[in-house]
């Protein structure tokens, strides 16, 4: 039985593809183990899939903050993670290691290269992250979610592993989501990513006032709230009910979210997050439009009237 170690953490965009990939390997008879960081969100996502990962003491990259105290603390956490990863690899003895990008991938990448274990890194975005670029330079195999990946030259385009769509009857799906709207409504679903998105919600609330014939369901609130034709519901780790009710999806341009939108084939308006590292969400959106027959891009600095117009035309 082959033993596979998968490292993925930080956000759902990194974690969900790793879970899908690992579950597929388990179905084929492989022994799979996961590494993740220490954010509560990470354990919550893994646990929702019945997985108990090995947790590294990492909550962010040393290069992701300007606080000297946090930089020092995170550097210490990186060294602790190297030691923990080395011990775990020694005990688990993986035949191969798969990384899904982000700061979580650094420690297993280094240990894998030291021990000569074959390592593959999957990059979900159209711009390679720091660890992906490092992995490429030291000879790791790179596979990508999009046909283009800025920042590296040698890679293989595979697409991103996504959860298999299971369409649910609208009546049942609305019941699961806890949303009370007429079943024949035109529904716009808004997904801000696993970390939520306050600005995206504000843009959509303004657009919703201009589209009274539509119902808007937001995945961006910890509590349920209803205002006229806008409905806020908590995050959903099982996205099938949510996607099943969407006539139109409005979302950030995370690589994994857009890959799921492609899989479902639903009309999608993507609003790239302007604060994304190396502007990678804008690059994701461009690649998404090349593959989607029902995609549009809306920029955050544009007025809500334009977004409402796009929704109504869709």
Protein backbone atom coordinates (compact mmCIF):
# COMPACT_ATOMS: atom_id res chain seq x y z
CA UNK A 1 0.00 0.00 0.00
CA UNK A 2 1.47 3.33 -1.07
CA UNK A 3 1.64 6.01 1.60
CA UNK A 4 0.87 9.58 0.52
CA UNK A 5 1.36 12.71 2.60
CA UNK A 6 -0.64 15.81 1.60
CA UNK A 7 0.07 19.29 2.99
CA UNK A 8 -2.58 21.98 2.64
CA UNK A 9 -3.86 24.80 4.81
CA UNK A 10 -4.56 28.49 5.15
CA UNK A 11 -7.90 28.81 3.32
CA UNK A 12 -10.58 26.61 1.80
CA UNK A 13 -9.16 27.36 -1.65
CA UNK A 14 -6.08 25.33 -0.77
CA UNK A 15 -7.76 22.76 1.46
CA UNK A 16 -10.77 21.58 -0.53
CA UNK A 17 -8.73 20.49 -3.60
CA UNK A 18 -6.37 18.62 -1.26
CA UNK A 19 -9.30 16.82 0.39
CA UNK A 20 -10.83 15.86 -2.97
CA UNK A 21 -7.48 14.60 -4.25
CA UNK A 22 -6.70 12.67 -1.07
CA UNK A 23 -10.15 11.07 -0.85
CA UNK A 24 -9.76 9.91 -4.46
CA UNK A 25 -6.43 8.28 -3.57
CA UNK A 26 -8.01 6.58 -0.56
CA UNK A 27 -10.72 5.18 -2.83
CA UNK A 28 -7.92 3.64 -4.89
CA UNK A 29 -6.46 1.96 -1.81
CA UNK A 30 -3.71 4.43 -0.86
CA UNK A 31 -2.89 5.31 2.74
CA UNK A 32 -3.23 9.11 3.00
CA UNK A 33 -2.34 11.55 5.73
CA UNK A 34 -2.75 15.35 5.81
CA UNK A 35 -0.75 18.25 7.29
CA UNK A 36 -2.36 21.63 7.95
CA UNK A 37 -1.81 24.87 9.88
CA UNK A 38 -3.16 25.98 13.24
CA UNK A 39 -6.01 28.25 12.15
CA UNK A 40 -9.32 27.11 13.63
CA UNK A 41 -10.90 27.38 10.17
CA UNK A 42 -8.53 24.73 8.80
CA UNK A 43 -9.43 22.07 11.37
CA UNK A 44 -13.11 22.93 10.92
CA UNK A 45 -12.94 22.30 7.16
CA UNK A 46 -10.97 19.05 7.53
CA UNK A 47 -13.19 17.77 10.33
CA UNK A 48 -16.30 18.45 8.23
CA UNK A 49 -14.89 15.85 5.81
CA UNK A 50 -14.08 13.35 8.56
CA UNK A 51 -10.34 14.06 8.48
CA UNK A 52 -8.10 14.67 11.49
CA UNK A 53 -4.94 16.26 10.08
CA UNK A 54 -1.57 16.65 11.73
CA UNK A 55 -1.49 20.30 12.82
CA UNK A 56 1.64 22.40 12.36
CA UNK A 57 2.06 25.51 14.57
CA UNK A 58 1.62 27.88 11.62
CA UNK A 59 -1.05 30.56 11.24
CA UNK A 60 0.58 32.72 8.58
CA UNK A 61 3.71 33.44 6.57
CA UNK A 62 6.51 35.55 8.11
CA UNK A 63 6.34 37.59 4.88
CA UNK A 64 2.60 38.16 5.25
CA UNK A 65 2.84 40.77 8.03
CA UNK A 66 4.68 44.02 8.83
CA UNK A 67 4.62 43.47 12.58
CA UNK A 68 8.15 42.71 13.81
CA UNK A 69 6.72 40.71 16.70
CA UNK A 70 4.62 38.56 14.36
CA UNK A 71 7.49 38.15 11.90
CA UNK A 72 9.76 36.82 14.66
CA UNK A 73 6.99 34.61 16.09
CA UNK A 74 6.19 33.13 12.68
CA UNK A 75 9.87 32.45 11.92
CA UNK A 76 10.06 30.50 15.19
CA UNK A 77 6.89 28.63 14.14
CA UNK A 78 8.50 27.74 10.79
CA UNK A 79 11.47 26.11 12.54
CA UNK A 80 9.14 24.27 14.92
CA UNK A 81 7.14 23.06 11.92
CA UNK A 82 10.29 21.80 10.21
CA UNK A 83 11.07 19.65 13.25
CA UNK A 84 7.50 18.35 13.59
CA UNK A 85 7.31 17.58 9.87
CA UNK A 86 10.65 15.77 9.91
CA UNK A 87 9.53 13.59 12.83
CA UNK A 88 6.18 12.83 11.23
CA UNK A 89 7.72 11.94 7.87
CA UNK A 90 10.16 9.63 9.66
CA UNK A 91 7.24 7.83 11.36
CA UNK A 92 4.76 7.81 8.44
CA UNK A 93 7.40 7.07 5.76
CA UNK A 94 5.47 8.49 2.78
CA UNK A 95 6.31 7.24 -0.71
CA UNK A 96 5.25 10.59 -2.21
CA UNK A 97 4.36 14.05 -0.92
CA UNK A 98 1.79 16.37 -2.49
CA UNK A 99 1.65 20.05 -1.59
CA UNK A 100 -1.19 22.46 -2.34
CA UNK A 101 0.65 25.75 -2.07
CA UNK A 102 0.84 28.48 0.55
CA UNK A 103 3.06 28.80 3.59
CA UNK A 104 1.99 25.38 4.89
CA UNK A 105 3.90 23.76 2.02
CA UNK A 106 7.31 25.19 2.96
CA UNK A 107 8.29 22.76 5.75
CA UNK A 108 7.28 19.52 3.96
CA UNK A 109 8.90 20.79 0.75
CA UNK A 110 12.27 21.27 2.49
CA UNK A 111 12.13 17.96 4.37
CA UNK A 112 11.06 16.09 1.22
CA UNK A 113 14.03 17.45 -0.73
CA UNK A 114 16.45 16.62 2.09
CA UNK A 115 15.17 13.05 2.33
CA UNK A 116 14.86 12.55 -1.43
CA UNK A 117 11.10 11.89 -1.37
CA UNK A 118 9.27 12.65 -4.66
CA UNK A 119 7.30 15.86 -4.20
CA UNK A 120 4.60 17.45 -6.36
CA UNK A 121 3.06 20.88 -5.79
CA UNK A 122 -0.35 21.91 -7.11
CA UNK A 123 -0.82 25.64 -7.77
CA UNK A 124 -4.50 26.67 -7.88
CA UNK A 125 -3.86 30.22 -9.05
CA UNK A 126 -2.77 31.71 -12.38
CA UNK A 127 0.17 33.38 -10.61
CA UNK A 128 2.65 31.15 -8.79
CA UNK A 129 2.99 31.79 -5.06
CA UNK A 130 6.33 32.16 -3.26
CA UNK A 131 6.57 28.52 -2.20
CA UNK A 132 5.54 27.36 -5.68
CA UNK A 133 8.36 29.40 -7.24
CA UNK A 134 10.82 28.01 -4.71
CA UNK A 135 9.60 24.46 -5.37
CA UNK A 136 10.04 24.97 -9.10
CA UNK A 137 13.63 26.17 -8.63
CA UNK A 138 14.65 23.18 -6.50
CA UNK A 139 13.21 20.58 -8.86
CA UNK A 140 9.77 19.75 -7.52
CA UNK A 141 7.13 18.78 -10.06
CA UNK A 142 4.57 21.59 -10.51
CA UNK A 143 1.01 21.01 -11.70
CA UNK A 144 -1.46 23.86 -12.19
CA UNK A 145 -5.15 24.66 -12.07
CA UNK A 146 -5.03 26.94 -15.14
CA UNK A 147 -3.34 26.68 -18.55
CA UNK A 148 -1.22 29.74 -17.64
CA UNK A 149 0.82 30.23 -14.47
CA UNK A 150 2.81 33.44 -14.22
CA UNK A 151 6.16 33.24 -12.43
CA UNK A 152 7.26 29.73 -13.43
CA UNK A 153 8.21 28.15 -16.75
CA UNK A 154 8.01 24.40 -16.27
CA UNK A 155 4.64 23.04 -15.20
CA UNK A 156 1.89 20.65 -16.26
CA UNK A 157 -1.68 21.89 -16.57
CA UNK A 158 -4.10 19.47 -14.90
CA UNK A 159 -6.95 21.65 -13.63
CA UNK A 160 -7.96 21.80 -9.97
CA UNK A 161 -9.55 18.86 -8.11
CA UNK A 162 -13.07 19.94 -7.11
CA UNK A 163 -15.94 18.41 -5.23
CA UNK A 164 -18.25 16.35 -7.42
CA UNK A 165 -21.49 18.28 -8.13
CA UNK A 166 -24.63 16.73 -6.67
CA UNK A 167 -27.69 18.70 -7.76
CA UNK A 168 -30.41 18.79 -5.11
CA UNK A 169 -34.10 19.53 -5.66
CA UNK A 170 -34.62 23.27 -5.06
CA UNK A 171 -37.29 22.77 -2.37
CA UNK A 172 -34.98 20.46 -0.41
CA UNK A 173 -31.90 22.65 -0.99
CA UNK A 174 -33.66 25.79 0.29
CA UNK A 175 -34.81 23.84 3.33
CA UNK A 176 -31.25 22.71 4.06
CA UNK A 177 -29.98 26.29 3.70
CA UNK A 178 -32.78 27.59 5.93
CA UNK A 179 -33.89 30.20 3.38
CA UNK A 180 -37.58 30.98 2.93
CA UNK A 181 -38.10 32.27 -0.61
CA UNK A 182 -40.54 31.25 -3.37
CA UNK A 183 -39.19 28.21 -5.19
CA UNK A 184 -39.65 29.87 -8.59
CA UNK A 185 -37.49 32.86 -7.57
CA UNK A 186 -34.52 34.01 -9.61
CA UNK A 187 -31.71 33.42 -7.12
CA UNK A 188 -28.31 35.10 -7.06
CA UNK A 189 -25.83 33.32 -4.81
CA UNK A 190 -22.91 35.31 -3.38
CA UNK A 191 -19.82 33.45 -2.13
CA UNK A 192 -16.98 35.42 -0.58
CA UNK A 193 -14.62 32.50 0.00
CA UNK A 194 -13.93 30.56 3.21
CA UNK A 195 -12.74 33.75 4.98
CA UNK A 196 -15.85 35.70 3.95
CA UNK A 197 -15.82 39.11 2.27
CA UNK A 198 -17.32 42.22 3.81
CA UNK A 199 -16.73 44.48 0.75
CA UNK A 200 -18.30 41.91 -1.58
CA UNK A 201 -21.41 41.78 0.61
CA UNK A 202 -21.73 45.59 0.58
CA UNK A 203 -21.50 45.68 -3.22
CA UNK A 204 -24.13 42.96 -3.56
CA UNK A 205 -26.49 44.59 -1.07
CA UNK A 206 -26.46 47.75 -3.17
CA UNK A 207 -27.04 45.75 -6.36
CA UNK A 208 -29.86 43.78 -4.71
CA UNK A 209 -31.85 46.98 -4.10
CA UNK A 210 -31.75 47.56 -7.86
CA UNK A 211 -32.89 44.00 -8.64
CA UNK A 212 -36.10 43.59 -6.58
CA UNK A 213 -37.24 40.70 -8.80
CA UNK A 214 -34.26 38.60 -7.66
CA UNK A 215 -33.51 36.94 -4.31
CA UNK A 216 -29.89 37.22 -3.07
CA UNK A 217 -28.37 34.58 -0.79
CA UNK A 218 -25.05 35.51 0.86
CA UNK A 219 -22.51 33.05 2.30
CA UNK A 220 -20.77 35.70 4.38
CA UNK A 221 -22.38 35.88 7.79
CA UNK A 222 -22.08 33.87 10.99
CA UNK A 223 -25.73 34.51 11.77
CA UNK A 224 -28.91 34.34 9.70
CA UNK A 225 -30.27 37.71 8.64
CA UNK A 226 -33.01 38.67 6.21
CA UNK A 227 -33.62 42.08 4.59
CA UNK A 228 -36.31 42.20 1.92
CA UNK A 229 -34.72 40.27 -0.99
CA UNK A 230 -31.33 39.65 0.68
CA UNK A 231 -30.65 36.66 2.92
CA UNK A 232 -27.46 36.04 4.89
CA UNK A 233 -26.59 32.47 5.91
CA UNK A 234 -23.55 30.94 7.65
CA UNK A 235 -20.71 29.33 5.70
CA UNK A 236 -21.53 25.98 4.14
CA UNK A 237 -18.83 23.33 3.85
CA UNK A 238 -21.18 21.18 1.77
CA UNK A 239 -21.75 23.52 -1.19
CA UNK A 240 -24.17 21.29 -3.11
CA UNK A 241 -27.38 22.82 -1.64
CA UNK A 242 -26.08 26.35 -2.24
CA UNK A 243 -24.94 25.76 -5.81
CA UNK A 244 -28.16 23.86 -6.55
CA UNK A 245 -30.32 26.94 -5.90
CA UNK A 246 -28.12 29.46 -7.74
CA UNK A 247 -29.33 30.77 -11.07
CA UNK A 248 -26.32 33.12 -11.02
CA UNK A 249 -23.20 32.90 -8.88
CA UNK A 250 -21.30 36.02 -7.78
CA UNK A 251 -17.94 35.22 -6.19
CA UNK A 252 -14.36 36.24 -5.58
CA UNK A 253 -11.81 34.93 -8.07
CA UNK A 254 -10.14 32.28 -5.95
CA UNK A 255 -8.80 29.46 -8.12
CA UNK A 256 -10.79 26.71 -6.43
CA UNK A 257 -14.09 28.61 -6.38
CA UNK A 258 -13.84 29.38 -10.10
CA UNK A 259 -12.94 25.75 -10.81
CA UNK A 260 -16.11 24.67 -9.00
CA UNK A 261 -18.14 27.21 -11.01
CA UNK A 262 -16.71 25.68 -14.20
CA UNK A 263 -17.64 22.19 -13.01
CA UNK A 264 -21.22 23.26 -12.31
CA UNK A 265 -21.41 25.23 -15.57
CA UNK A 266 -23.42 28.01 -13.94
CA UNK A 267 -23.49 31.68 -15.04
CA UNK A 268 -20.82 33.35 -12.92
CA UNK A 269 -19.88 36.96 -12.20
CA UNK A 270 -16.48 37.07 -10.57
CA UNK A 271 -15.26 40.08 -8.56
CA UNK A 272 -11.47 39.75 -8.06
CA UNK A 273 -10.20 40.77 -4.64
CA UNK A 274 -7.89 43.78 -5.28
CA UNK A 275 -5.73 42.92 -2.25
CA UNK A 276 -4.73 39.47 -3.53
CA UNK A 277 -0.98 38.78 -3.63
CA UNK A 278 0.53 39.61 -7.04
CA UNK A 279 -2.99 40.45 -8.25
CA UNK A 280 -3.52 36.72 -8.76
CA UNK A 281 -7.32 36.88 -8.52
CA UNK A 282 -7.51 39.16 -11.56
CA UNK A 283 -5.31 36.72 -13.47
CA UNK A 284 -7.54 33.83 -12.32
CA UNK A 285 -10.59 35.67 -13.61
CA UNK A 286 -9.01 36.19 -17.03
CA UNK A 287 -8.16 32.48 -17.29
CA UNK A 288 -11.66 31.59 -16.12
CA UNK A 289 -13.25 33.62 -18.92
CA UNK A 290 -11.18 31.70 -21.47
CA UNK A 291 -12.77 28.44 -20.32
CA UNK A 292 -16.27 29.55 -19.33
CA UNK A 293 -19.13 30.20 -21.72
CA UNK A 294 -21.12 31.99 -18.99
CA UNK A 295 -18.57 34.17 -17.22
CA UNK A 296 -18.27 37.91 -16.54
CA UNK A 297 -15.81 40.05 -14.58
CA UNK A 298 -16.92 42.95 -12.40
CA UNK A 299 -14.31 45.15 -10.70
CA UNK A 300 -14.81 46.26 -7.11
CA UNK A 301 -14.30 49.96 -7.96
CA UNK A 302 -17.18 49.98 -10.45
CA UNK A 303 -20.62 51.17 -9.37
CA UNK A 304 -23.33 48.73 -8.22
CA UNK A 305 -25.63 49.92 -11.00
CA UNK A 306 -23.37 48.23 -13.53
CA UNK A 307 -23.40 44.99 -11.52
CA UNK A 308 -27.20 45.10 -11.33
CA UNK A 309 -27.30 45.56 -15.10
CA UNK A 310 -25.07 42.52 -15.64
CA UNK A 311 -27.25 40.42 -13.33
CA UNK A 312 -30.44 41.44 -15.12
CA UNK A 313 -28.93 40.71 -18.55
CA UNK A 314 -27.72 37.30 -17.34
